[in-house]
Each structure stands twice: as structure tokens, then as C-alpha cells.
Amino acid sequence: MRHSLPMYTITGADGREYGPVTADQIRQWTIEGRANAQTKVRAEGSADWKSLTEFPEFAAQAAVPPATSLARAPFPIGPSSRTNSMATAGMVLGILSLTLACCCYGLPFNVAGIICSSIALSQIKKDPVNHQGRGMAIAGLVLSILSIVAAVLLLAFGAASNWSDIFRKIQRL
């Protein structure tokens, strides 16, 4: 069934298409500040997207800014996600622990890096929309574990290099 009124599809600020809607609905969105002169519109049956002001039926209204001082987005946009601070801390601690593995076996940085990275991964898993930084948390976890492995190897090779001295001292007793 064809509509007797012309129908339109618009592209929202979020990049998604909305419609088909009537000209009255677009006028209402313009009044509300949800559509403006830069809003891309496509008439039903047309393949071309045009700005709202290119349509004669919307040109006069779209040229007038909305009554509010702050223009709203055409459609609600969710809160932006940010990098999880524990993921950042875990990665920094992992880098420190690996860097300091030769002098102090990476302690306490490797333990703190594992804890921070694990907490970050847990928080990101629970709320992936608001938390980012999974890669950073994994990097911190891997670096912290590597520093523990390096510390164990340094201790083992250090003790192994002194075994002959230890055996000699035992034989003298």
C-alpha cells in the first residue's frame, strides 16, 4: 500500500537511518532541535541523500536555529566509554616489573600488576559498554607474569651457579 503523503528517511547523528517518516515528523524534530540544516534526508523512492535545506518544504524551517541555546543530537547518544584506569595501572606496573626484574625480581610491581590487571579484566567483562582497555589489561597481566617467570629463572640460575661453592663449603664441615 502506497502512502499518500511523501515519506522521508533521515540519518541521525549516530549514523543510523530513521524512517520512513512524514514531513510533519521531520518538522517536529527540527523544532525540537533533533534535526537541523546539516541533517541528511532521502525522499522515499530516491537514492540521493540531501541536506534538509535542499528540500523546499523544510528549507525555511531548517534555516532557523532551534529555540534552545544548546542543540541536541538528532537522537539520544549513549555515554562514551573510557579506558579502565585499573587496566592502565596494570600495564604500567607490568612494564615496571619486567624492567626491574633483574635488580629486585620485579617485586612488588609484578604482584600489583597482576592484581590491577585482573580487577580491570573483571570490570571490563561486567560492563563492556562503559569500560575499555581489555588489551591493556591483558598486556599488564602478561608482562607481570613474565617478570615473575624471569625472577624465578634468575633465582634458579643464580643458585645453580653457586652450587659448586655451596658443595665445597658443605664438604669442609
C-alpha atoms as a PDB file:
ATOM      1  CA  MET A   1       0.000   0.000   0.000  1.00  0.00           C
ATOM      2  CA  ARG A   2       1.495   3.377  -1.033  1.00  0.00           C
ATOM      3  CA  HIS A   3       1.339   6.369   1.270  1.00  0.00           C
ATOM      4  CA  SER A   4      -0.475   9.427   0.025  1.00  0.00           C
ATOM      5  CA  LEU A   5       1.961  11.679   1.909  1.00  0.00           C
ATOM      6  CA  PRO A   6       5.611  11.870   0.911  1.00  0.00           C
ATOM      7  CA  MET A   7       7.827   9.856   3.256  1.00  0.00           C
ATOM      8  CA  TYR A   8      11.444  10.524   4.177  1.00  0.00           C
ATOM      9  CA  THR A   9      14.372   8.725   5.781  1.00  0.00           C
ATOM     10  CA  ILE A  10      16.971  10.681   7.754  1.00  0.00           C
ATOM     11  CA  THR A  11      20.446   9.874   9.013  1.00  0.00           C
ATOM     12  CA  GLY A  12      20.851  10.566  12.722  1.00  0.00           C
ATOM     13  CA  ALA A  13      23.967  11.861  14.459  1.00  0.00           C
ATOM     14  CA  ASP A  14      24.711   8.257  15.393  1.00  0.00           C
ATOM     15  CA  GLY A  15      24.960   7.350  11.678  1.00  0.00           C
ATOM     16  CA  ARG A  16      21.834   5.190  11.706  1.00  0.00           C
ATOM     17  CA  GLU A  17      18.899   5.634   9.366  1.00  0.00           C
ATOM     18  CA  TYR A  18      15.483   6.539  10.768  1.00  0.00           C
ATOM     19  CA  GLY A  19      12.289   6.334   8.815  1.00  0.00           C
ATOM     20  CA  PRO A  20      10.302   6.360   6.752  1.00  0.00           C
ATOM     21  CA  VAL A  21       8.682   9.332   8.469  1.00  0.00           C
ATOM     22  CA  THR A  22       6.331  12.045   7.322  1.00  0.00           C
ATOM     23  CA  ALA A  23       7.256  15.665   6.617  1.00  0.00           C
ATOM     24  CA  ASP A  24       5.354  16.660   9.758  1.00  0.00           C
ATOM     25  CA  GLN A  25       7.561  14.400  11.869  1.00  0.00           C
ATOM     26  CA  ILE A  26      10.712  15.967  10.398  1.00  0.00           C
ATOM     27  CA  ARG A  27       9.319  19.435  11.087  1.00  0.00           C
ATOM     28  CA  GLN A  28       8.664  18.412  14.687  1.00  0.00           C
ATOM     29  CA  TRP A  29      12.233  17.085  15.024  1.00  0.00           C
ATOM     30  CA  THR A  30      13.511  20.390  13.630  1.00  0.00           C
ATOM     31  CA  ILE A  31      11.509  22.337  16.246  1.00  0.00           C
ATOM     32  CA  GLU A  32      12.890  20.051  18.973  1.00  0.00           C
ATOM     33  CA  GLY A  33      16.438  20.541  17.690  1.00  0.00           C
ATOM     34  CA  ARG A  34      16.797  16.870  16.762  1.00  0.00           C
ATOM     35  CA  ALA A  35      17.214  17.741  13.067  1.00  0.00           C
ATOM     36  CA  ASN A  36      18.958  20.754  11.554  1.00  0.00           C
ATOM     37  CA  ALA A  37      20.189  22.170   8.240  1.00  0.00           C
ATOM     38  CA  GLN A  38      23.029  19.615   8.078  1.00  0.00           C
ATOM     39  CA  THR A  39      20.782  16.588   8.645  1.00  0.00           C
ATOM     40  CA  LYS A  40      20.905  14.241   5.655  1.00  0.00           C
ATOM     41  CA  VAL A  41      17.480  13.307   4.247  1.00  0.00           C
ATOM     42  CA  ARG A  42      16.391  10.969   1.480  1.00  0.00           C
ATOM     43  CA  ALA A  43      12.935  11.141  -0.065  1.00  0.00           C
ATOM     44  CA  GLU A  44      11.172   7.811  -0.434  1.00  0.00           C
ATOM     45  CA  GLY A  45      11.942   6.321  -3.828  1.00  0.00           C
ATOM     46  CA  SER A  46      15.103   8.408  -4.275  1.00  0.00           C
ATOM     47  CA  ALA A  47      18.648   7.117  -3.981  1.00  0.00           C
ATOM     48  CA  ASP A  48      20.211  10.530  -3.263  1.00  0.00           C
ATOM     49  CA  TRP A  49      20.832  11.922   0.204  1.00  0.00           C
ATOM     50  CA  LYS A  50      20.452  15.691   0.521  1.00  0.00           C
ATOM     51  CA  SER A  51      20.742  18.156   3.362  1.00  0.00           C
ATOM     52  CA  LEU A  52      17.461  19.198   4.934  1.00  0.00           C
ATOM     53  CA  THR A  53      17.689  22.706   3.440  1.00  0.00           C
ATOM     54  CA  GLU A  54      17.747  21.277  -0.100  1.00  0.00           C
ATOM     55  CA  PHE A  55      14.120  20.251   0.281  1.00  0.00           C
ATOM     56  CA  PRO A  56      11.807  23.244  -0.339  1.00  0.00           C
ATOM     57  CA  GLU A  57       9.288  22.007   2.231  1.00  0.00           C
ATOM     58  CA  PHE A  58      11.950  22.144   5.002  1.00  0.00           C
ATOM     59  CA  ALA A  59      14.295  24.935   3.850  1.00  0.00           C
ATOM     60  CA  ALA A  60      12.666  27.824   5.734  1.00  0.00           C
ATOM     61  CA  GLN A  61      12.270  25.958   8.999  1.00  0.00           C
ATOM     62  CA  ALA A  62      15.707  24.256   8.906  1.00  0.00           C
ATOM     63  CA  ALA A  63      17.484  27.578   8.378  1.00  0.00           C
ATOM     64  CA  VAL A  64      16.112  28.904  11.692  1.00  0.00           C
ATOM     65  CA  PRO A  65      18.091  27.614  14.682  1.00  0.00           C
ATOM     66  CA  PRO A  66      16.068  25.836  17.382  1.00  0.00           C
ATOM     67  CA  ALA A  67      14.728  27.890  20.285  1.00  0.00           C
ATOM     68  CA  THR A  68      17.061  26.274  22.809  1.00  0.00           C
ATOM     69  CA  SER A  69      20.601  27.545  23.148  1.00  0.00           C
ATOM     70  CA  LEU A  70      22.097  24.062  23.144  1.00  0.00           C
ATOM     71  CA  ALA A  71      21.337  21.977  20.076  1.00  0.00           C
ATOM     72  CA  ARG A  72      20.548  18.381  20.937  1.00  0.00           C
ATOM     73  CA  ALA A  73      21.715  15.438  18.908  1.00  0.00           C
ATOM     74  CA  PRO A  74      19.116  14.150  16.422  1.00  0.00           C
ATOM     75  CA  PHE A  75      18.784  11.007  18.535  1.00  0.00           C
ATOM     76  CA  PRO A  76      19.968  10.103  22.022  1.00  0.00           C
ATOM     77  CA  ILE A  77      23.584   9.079  22.175  1.00  0.00           C
ATOM     78  CA  GLY A  78      24.756   6.817  24.982  1.00  0.00           C
ATOM     79  CA  PRO A  79      27.579   7.708  27.344  1.00  0.00           C
ATOM     80  CA  SER A  80      31.026   7.395  25.855  1.00  0.00           C
ATOM     81  CA  SER A  81      33.173   4.580  27.122  1.00  0.00           C
ATOM     82  CA  ARG A  82      36.599   5.274  28.543  1.00  0.00           C
ATOM     83  CA  THR A  83      39.714   3.288  29.258  1.00  0.00           C
ATOM     84  CA  ASN A  84      39.573   1.480  32.567  1.00  0.00           C
ATOM     85  CA  SER A  85      42.077   3.068  34.970  1.00  0.00           C
ATOM     86  CA  MET A  86      42.941  -0.307  36.520  1.00  0.00           C
ATOM     87  CA  ALA A  87      43.894  -1.570  33.054  1.00  0.00           C
ATOM     88  CA  THR A  88      46.236   1.383  32.621  1.00  0.00           C
ATOM     89  CA  ALA A  89      47.730   0.838  36.083  1.00  0.00           C
ATOM     90  CA  GLY A  90      48.143  -2.891  35.408  1.00  0.00           C
ATOM     91  CA  MET A  91      50.014  -2.250  32.175  1.00  0.00           C
ATOM     92  CA  VAL A  92      52.300   0.364  33.762  1.00  0.00           C
ATOM     93  CA  LEU A  93      53.033  -1.962  36.679  1.00  0.00           C
ATOM     94  CA  GLY A  94      53.696  -4.830  34.265  1.00  0.00           C
ATOM     95  CA  ILE A  95      56.221  -2.731  32.348  1.00  0.00           C
ATOM     96  CA  LEU A  96      57.911  -1.672  35.594  1.00  0.00           C
ATOM     97  CA  SER A  97      58.011  -5.229  36.909  1.00  0.00           C
ATOM     98  CA  LEU A  98      59.656  -6.572  33.764  1.00  0.00           C
ATOM     99  CA  THR A  99      62.099  -3.673  33.655  1.00  0.00           C
ATOM    100  CA  LEU A 100      63.081  -4.148  37.307  1.00  0.00           C
ATOM    101  CA  ALA A 101      63.141  -7.969  37.195  1.00  0.00           C
ATOM    102  CA  CYS A 102      66.945  -8.029  37.048  1.00  0.00           C
ATOM    103  CA  CYS A 103      67.587  -5.961  40.185  1.00  0.00           C
ATOM    104  CA  CYS A 104      64.745  -6.650  42.600  1.00  0.00           C
ATOM    105  CA  TYR A 105      62.951  -9.513  40.831  1.00  0.00           C
ATOM    106  CA  GLY A 106      60.164  -7.084  39.894  1.00  0.00           C
ATOM    107  CA  LEU A 107      58.718  -7.073  43.380  1.00  0.00           C
ATOM    108  CA  PRO A 108      56.235  -5.588  44.345  1.00  0.00           C
ATOM    109  CA  PHE A 109      55.325  -4.356  40.869  1.00  0.00           C
ATOM    110  CA  ASN A 110      54.613  -7.796  39.379  1.00  0.00           C
ATOM    111  CA  VAL A 111      52.178  -8.739  42.143  1.00  0.00           C
ATOM    112  CA  ALA A 112      50.430  -5.359  41.968  1.00  0.00           C
ATOM    113  CA  GLY A 113      50.319  -5.608  38.148  1.00  0.00           C
ATOM    114  CA  ILE A 114      48.607  -8.991  38.297  1.00  0.00           C
ATOM    115  CA  ILE A 115      46.074  -7.711  40.824  1.00  0.00           C
ATOM    116  CA  CYS A 116      45.273  -4.497  38.907  1.00  0.00           C
ATOM    117  CA  SER A 117      45.058  -6.278  35.553  1.00  0.00           C
ATOM    118  CA  SER A 118      42.786  -8.989  36.967  1.00  0.00           C
ATOM    119  CA  ILE A 119      40.461  -6.410  38.518  1.00  0.00           C
ATOM    120  CA  ALA A 120      40.383  -4.478  35.231  1.00  0.00           C
ATOM    121  CA  LEU A 121      39.510  -7.592  33.212  1.00  0.00           C
ATOM    122  CA  SER A 122      36.708  -8.358  35.659  1.00  0.00           C
ATOM    123  CA  GLN A 123      35.305  -4.803  35.438  1.00  0.00           C
ATOM    124  CA  ILE A 124      35.539  -4.771  31.636  1.00  0.00           C
ATOM    125  CA  LYS A 125      33.786  -8.138  31.421  1.00  0.00           C
ATOM    126  CA  LYS A 126      30.939  -6.914  33.668  1.00  0.00           C
ATOM    127  CA  ASP A 127      30.415  -3.610  31.833  1.00  0.00           C
ATOM    128  CA  PRO A 128      31.997  -3.612  28.339  1.00  0.00           C
ATOM    129  CA  VAL A 129      29.900  -0.633  27.217  1.00  0.00           C
ATOM    130  CA  ASN A 130      31.397   1.813  29.726  1.00  0.00           C
ATOM    131  CA  HIS A 131      34.878   0.296  30.122  1.00  0.00           C
ATOM    132  CA  GLN A 132      37.557  -0.213  27.501  1.00  0.00           C
ATOM    133  CA  GLY A 133      41.172  -1.273  27.795  1.00  0.00           C
ATOM    134  CA  ARG A 134      40.952  -5.058  27.674  1.00  0.00           C
ATOM    135  CA  GLY A 135      44.153  -5.208  25.607  1.00  0.00           C
ATOM    136  CA  MET A 136      45.985  -3.029  28.106  1.00  0.00           C
ATOM    137  CA  ALA A 137      44.839  -5.216  30.994  1.00  0.00           C
ATOM    138  CA  ILE A 138      45.956  -8.377  29.188  1.00  0.00           C
ATOM    139  CA  ALA A 139      49.318  -6.768  28.361  1.00  0.00           C
ATOM    140  CA  GLY A 140      49.798  -5.829  32.031  1.00  0.00           C
ATOM    141  CA  LEU A 141      48.890  -9.340  33.139  1.00  0.00           C
ATOM    142  CA  VAL A 142      51.262 -10.975  30.646  1.00  0.00           C
ATOM    143  CA  LEU A 143      54.147  -8.617  31.489  1.00  0.00           C
ATOM    144  CA  SER A 144      53.662  -9.141  35.224  1.00  0.00           C
ATOM    145  CA  ILE A 145      53.608 -12.921  34.837  1.00  0.00           C
ATOM    146  CA  LEU A 146      56.687 -12.756  32.601  1.00  0.00           C
ATOM    147  CA  SER A 147      58.525 -10.792  35.282  1.00  0.00           C
ATOM    148  CA  ILE A 148      57.710 -13.496  37.839  1.00  0.00           C
ATOM    149  CA  VAL A 149      58.997 -16.157  35.431  1.00  0.00           C
ATOM    150  CA  ALA A 150      62.145 -14.074  34.857  1.00  0.00           C
ATOM    151  CA  ALA A 151      62.623 -13.695  38.611  1.00  0.00           C
ATOM    152  CA  VAL A 152      62.294 -17.456  39.159  1.00  0.00           C
ATOM    153  CA  LEU A 153      64.772 -18.129  36.357  1.00  0.00           C
ATOM    154  CA  LEU A 154      67.215 -15.569  37.752  1.00  0.00           C
ATOM    155  CA  LEU A 155      66.963 -17.151  41.186  1.00  0.00           C
ATOM    156  CA  ALA A 156      67.392 -20.651  39.763  1.00  0.00           C
ATOM    157  CA  PHE A 157      70.391 -19.759  37.609  1.00  0.00           C
ATOM    158  CA  GLY A 158      71.868 -17.680  40.400  1.00  0.00           C
ATOM    159  CA  ALA A 159      71.577 -20.550  42.843  1.00  0.00           C
ATOM    160  CA  ALA A 160      72.817 -23.056  40.240  1.00  0.00           C
ATOM    161  CA  SER A 161      75.929 -21.009  39.569  1.00  0.00           C
ATOM    162  CA  ASN A 162      76.750 -21.076  43.284  1.00  0.00           C
ATOM    163  CA  TRP A 163      76.085 -24.814  43.851  1.00  0.00           C
ATOM    164  CA  SER A 164      79.735 -25.732  43.482  1.00  0.00           C
ATOM    165  CA  ASP A 165      80.714 -23.195  46.131  1.00  0.00           C
ATOM    166  CA  ILE A 166      77.933 -24.445  48.379  1.00  0.00           C
ATOM    167  CA  PHE A 167      79.051 -28.103  47.978  1.00  0.00           C
ATOM    168  CA  ARG A 168      82.668 -27.173  48.794  1.00  0.00           C
ATOM    169  CA  LYS A 169      81.625 -25.386  51.949  1.00  0.00           C
ATOM    170  CA  ILE A 170      79.497 -28.365  52.993  1.00  0.00           C
ATOM    171  CA  GLN A 171      82.410 -30.806  52.432  1.00  0.00           C
ATOM    172  CA  ARG A 172      84.676 -28.676  54.590  1.00  0.00           C
ATOM    173  CA  LEU A 173      82.304 -29.008  57.507  1.00  0.00           C
END
